[in-house]
Amino acid sequence: MAIEFKKKLALFGETVGVEDAETLLEWLQGKANARVDLSACVHLHPANIQVLLASKAQISAWPKDQVLHAWLQTIFTV
C-alpha cells in the first residue's frame, strides 16, 4: 500500500501515485489536525501534492531523499 492511514497520521510509502490521491483526499476531509509522514517517500505524484496543499495537513516528517525534501519544503513553505 502506498499510504498507510492511522488515526491522525498518514504514512507515505516510497512511491505514491495518482491513484492514491482520491483516497488521501477522503481521509484528510474527515481529519482535523491530520499529520503526514513523508520520510520513506521517494516519488510523489503531483495530484497528492495538490491534495496536501489544499488540506493544509501538517508535515510531521520530510522525505529522507534530499532532492525531494528540498523541493517539497520549497512548495509547502510559500
N, C-alpha and C. Protein backbone atom coordinates (compact mmCIF):
# COMPACT_ATOMS: atom_id res chain seq x y z
N MET A 1 0.85 -1.17 0.00
CA MET A 1 0.00 0.00 0.00
C MET A 1 0.90 1.24 0.00
N ALA A 2 0.54 2.22 -0.80
CA ALA A 2 1.36 3.42 -0.94
C ALA A 2 1.24 4.35 0.26
N ILE A 3 0.06 4.38 0.89
CA ILE A 3 -0.16 5.21 2.07
C ILE A 3 -0.82 4.35 3.14
N GLU A 4 -0.27 4.39 4.33
CA GLU A 4 -0.87 3.68 5.47
C GLU A 4 -1.52 4.74 6.36
N PHE A 5 -2.80 4.56 6.62
CA PHE A 5 -3.55 5.54 7.39
C PHE A 5 -3.73 5.09 8.84
N LYS A 6 -3.31 5.95 9.75
CA LYS A 6 -3.51 5.73 11.18
C LYS A 6 -4.62 6.68 11.62
N LYS A 7 -4.83 6.86 12.91
CA LYS A 7 -5.89 7.75 13.39
C LYS A 7 -5.75 9.16 12.84
N LYS A 8 -4.61 9.77 13.06
CA LYS A 8 -4.38 11.16 12.62
C LYS A 8 -3.09 11.31 11.82
N LEU A 9 -2.53 10.18 11.36
CA LEU A 9 -1.26 10.19 10.65
C LEU A 9 -1.35 9.36 9.38
N ALA A 10 -0.86 9.94 8.29
CA ALA A 10 -0.74 9.22 7.03
C ALA A 10 0.73 8.95 6.78
N LEU A 11 1.11 7.68 6.69
CA LEU A 11 2.49 7.28 6.44
C LEU A 11 2.65 6.96 4.95
N PHE A 12 3.41 7.77 4.27
CA PHE A 12 3.60 7.60 2.83
C PHE A 12 4.71 6.59 2.58
N GLY A 13 4.48 5.70 1.63
CA GLY A 13 5.48 4.73 1.21
C GLY A 13 6.45 5.35 0.22
N GLU A 14 7.28 4.52 -0.40
CA GLU A 14 8.29 5.01 -1.34
C GLU A 14 7.68 5.72 -2.53
N THR A 15 6.68 5.10 -3.15
CA THR A 15 6.08 5.67 -4.35
C THR A 15 4.58 5.86 -4.12
N VAL A 16 4.13 7.11 -4.23
CA VAL A 16 2.72 7.43 -4.04
C VAL A 16 2.22 8.00 -5.36
N GLY A 17 1.38 7.23 -6.04
CA GLY A 17 0.94 7.58 -7.38
C GLY A 17 -0.39 8.31 -7.43
N VAL A 18 -0.81 8.62 -8.62
CA VAL A 18 -2.04 9.36 -8.85
C VAL A 18 -3.26 8.62 -8.29
N GLU A 19 -3.23 7.30 -8.33
CA GLU A 19 -4.36 6.51 -7.86
C GLU A 19 -4.58 6.65 -6.35
N ASP A 20 -3.61 7.19 -5.63
CA ASP A 20 -3.74 7.36 -4.18
C ASP A 20 -4.34 8.71 -3.77
N ALA A 21 -4.43 9.63 -4.70
CA ALA A 21 -4.87 10.99 -4.38
C ALA A 21 -6.32 11.04 -3.87
N GLU A 22 -7.21 10.32 -4.47
CA GLU A 22 -8.61 10.36 -4.05
C GLU A 22 -8.79 9.78 -2.64
N THR A 23 -8.12 8.69 -2.36
CA THR A 23 -8.19 8.09 -1.03
C THR A 23 -7.60 9.03 0.01
N LEU A 24 -6.49 9.67 -0.33
CA LEU A 24 -5.86 10.64 0.57
C LEU A 24 -6.81 11.79 0.84
N LEU A 25 -7.43 12.31 -0.19
CA LEU A 25 -8.38 13.41 -0.03
C LEU A 25 -9.53 13.02 0.89
N GLU A 26 -10.11 11.87 0.66
CA GLU A 26 -11.22 11.41 1.50
C GLU A 26 -10.79 11.27 2.96
N TRP A 27 -9.61 10.74 3.19
CA TRP A 27 -9.12 10.57 4.56
C TRP A 27 -8.88 11.93 5.22
N LEU A 28 -8.27 12.84 4.50
CA LEU A 28 -7.97 14.16 5.06
C LEU A 28 -9.23 14.97 5.35
N GLN A 29 -10.26 14.80 4.56
CA GLN A 29 -11.50 15.55 4.77
C GLN A 29 -12.15 15.22 6.10
N GLY A 30 -11.92 14.05 6.60
CA GLY A 30 -12.52 13.65 7.87
C GLY A 30 -11.60 13.82 9.07
N LYS A 31 -10.45 14.46 8.87
CA LYS A 31 -9.47 14.55 9.95
C LYS A 31 -9.06 16.00 10.21
N ALA A 32 -9.36 16.47 11.40
CA ALA A 32 -8.82 17.76 11.82
C ALA A 32 -7.43 17.50 12.37
N ASN A 33 -6.52 18.40 12.13
CA ASN A 33 -5.14 18.28 12.63
C ASN A 33 -4.42 17.03 12.13
N ALA A 34 -4.69 16.64 10.90
CA ALA A 34 -4.02 15.48 10.32
C ALA A 34 -2.53 15.78 10.10
N ARG A 35 -1.72 14.74 10.26
CA ARG A 35 -0.28 14.85 10.04
C ARG A 35 0.13 13.86 8.96
N VAL A 36 1.22 14.20 8.27
CA VAL A 36 1.71 13.38 7.17
C VAL A 36 3.19 13.09 7.37
N ASP A 37 3.55 11.81 7.27
CA ASP A 37 4.94 11.39 7.38
C ASP A 37 5.42 10.99 5.99
N LEU A 38 6.31 11.79 5.44
CA LEU A 38 6.83 11.56 4.09
C LEU A 38 8.23 10.96 4.10
N SER A 39 8.71 10.54 5.25
CA SER A 39 10.12 10.13 5.39
C SER A 39 10.55 9.02 4.43
N ALA A 40 9.68 8.09 4.12
CA ALA A 40 10.05 6.97 3.23
C ALA A 40 9.82 7.29 1.75
N CYS A 41 9.20 8.41 1.46
CA CYS A 41 8.78 8.74 0.10
C CYS A 41 9.97 9.14 -0.79
N VAL A 42 10.00 8.58 -2.01
CA VAL A 42 10.99 8.98 -3.00
C VAL A 42 10.33 9.49 -4.28
N HIS A 43 9.04 9.21 -4.44
CA HIS A 43 8.27 9.72 -5.59
C HIS A 43 6.86 10.05 -5.12
N LEU A 44 6.44 11.27 -5.41
CA LEU A 44 5.12 11.74 -5.00
C LEU A 44 4.44 12.38 -6.20
N HIS A 45 3.36 11.77 -6.68
CA HIS A 45 2.64 12.31 -7.83
C HIS A 45 2.08 13.69 -7.48
N PRO A 46 2.12 14.64 -8.42
CA PRO A 46 1.62 16.00 -8.17
C PRO A 46 0.17 16.06 -7.68
N ALA A 47 -0.66 15.10 -8.03
CA ALA A 47 -2.05 15.11 -7.55
C ALA A 47 -2.09 15.03 -6.02
N ASN A 48 -1.18 14.27 -5.44
CA ASN A 48 -1.11 14.16 -3.99
C ASN A 48 -0.58 15.44 -3.36
N ILE A 49 0.33 16.10 -4.04
CA ILE A 49 0.83 17.39 -3.55
C ILE A 49 -0.32 18.39 -3.52
N GLN A 50 -1.14 18.41 -4.54
CA GLN A 50 -2.29 19.32 -4.59
C GLN A 50 -3.24 19.04 -3.43
N VAL A 51 -3.50 17.78 -3.16
CA VAL A 51 -4.38 17.42 -2.04
C VAL A 51 -3.79 17.89 -0.72
N LEU A 52 -2.50 17.68 -0.52
CA LEU A 52 -1.86 18.11 0.72
C LEU A 52 -1.87 19.62 0.87
N LEU A 53 -1.62 20.33 -0.19
CA LEU A 53 -1.65 21.80 -0.13
C LEU A 53 -3.05 22.30 0.18
N ALA A 54 -4.04 21.75 -0.47
CA ALA A 54 -5.43 22.19 -0.25
C ALA A 54 -5.91 21.89 1.16
N SER A 55 -5.47 20.78 1.71
CA SER A 55 -5.94 20.36 3.04
C SER A 55 -5.18 21.07 4.17
N LYS A 56 -4.02 21.61 3.85
CA LYS A 56 -3.15 22.24 4.86
C LYS A 56 -2.74 21.26 5.96
N ALA A 57 -2.58 20.01 5.57
CA ALA A 57 -2.12 18.98 6.51
C ALA A 57 -0.72 19.32 6.98
N GLN A 58 -0.43 18.99 8.21
CA GLN A 58 0.89 19.24 8.79
C GLN A 58 1.85 18.14 8.37
N ILE A 59 3.01 18.53 7.87
CA ILE A 59 4.05 17.57 7.52
C ILE A 59 4.85 17.29 8.78
N SER A 60 4.76 16.08 9.30
CA SER A 60 5.46 15.74 10.53
C SER A 60 6.86 15.19 10.28
N ALA A 61 7.10 14.67 9.08
CA ALA A 61 8.42 14.16 8.71
C ALA A 61 8.61 14.34 7.20
N TRP A 62 9.71 14.98 6.84
CA TRP A 62 10.02 15.22 5.43
C TRP A 62 10.74 14.01 4.84
N PRO A 63 10.76 13.90 3.50
CA PRO A 63 11.45 12.77 2.87
C PRO A 63 12.93 12.72 3.23
N LYS A 64 13.45 11.52 3.37
CA LYS A 64 14.89 11.35 3.59
C LYS A 64 15.67 11.66 2.32
N ASP A 65 15.02 11.45 1.17
CA ASP A 65 15.62 11.82 -0.11
C ASP A 65 15.81 13.34 -0.14
N GLN A 66 17.06 13.78 -0.21
CA GLN A 66 17.37 15.20 -0.06
C GLN A 66 16.79 16.08 -1.18
N VAL A 67 16.78 15.59 -2.41
CA VAL A 67 16.24 16.37 -3.52
C VAL A 67 14.73 16.57 -3.35
N LEU A 68 14.01 15.49 -3.07
CA LEU A 68 12.57 15.59 -2.86
C LEU A 68 12.27 16.43 -1.64
N HIS A 69 13.04 16.26 -0.59
CA HIS A 69 12.88 17.04 0.64
C HIS A 69 12.97 18.54 0.34
N ALA A 70 14.03 18.95 -0.32
CA ALA A 70 14.24 20.36 -0.63
C ALA A 70 13.13 20.91 -1.52
N TRP A 71 12.75 20.14 -2.51
CA TRP A 71 11.72 20.58 -3.45
C TRP A 71 10.37 20.75 -2.74
N LEU A 72 9.99 19.78 -1.91
CA LEU A 72 8.71 19.85 -1.21
C LEU A 72 8.70 20.96 -0.15
N GLN A 73 9.80 21.14 0.55
CA GLN A 73 9.84 22.21 1.54
C GLN A 73 9.64 23.56 0.89
N THR A 74 10.18 23.74 -0.29
CA THR A 74 10.00 24.99 -1.03
C THR A 74 8.53 25.22 -1.35
N ILE A 75 7.84 24.19 -1.75
CA ILE A 75 6.43 24.29 -2.10
C ILE A 75 5.57 24.56 -0.87
N PHE A 76 5.82 23.85 0.20
CA PHE A 76 4.96 23.91 1.38
C PHE A 76 5.26 25.08 2.31
N THR A 77 6.35 25.79 2.11
CA THR A 77 6.66 26.91 2.99
C THR A 77 6.40 28.26 2.32
N VAL A 78 5.79 28.27 1.17
CA VAL A 78 5.48 29.53 0.49
C VAL A 78 4.29 30.18 1.11
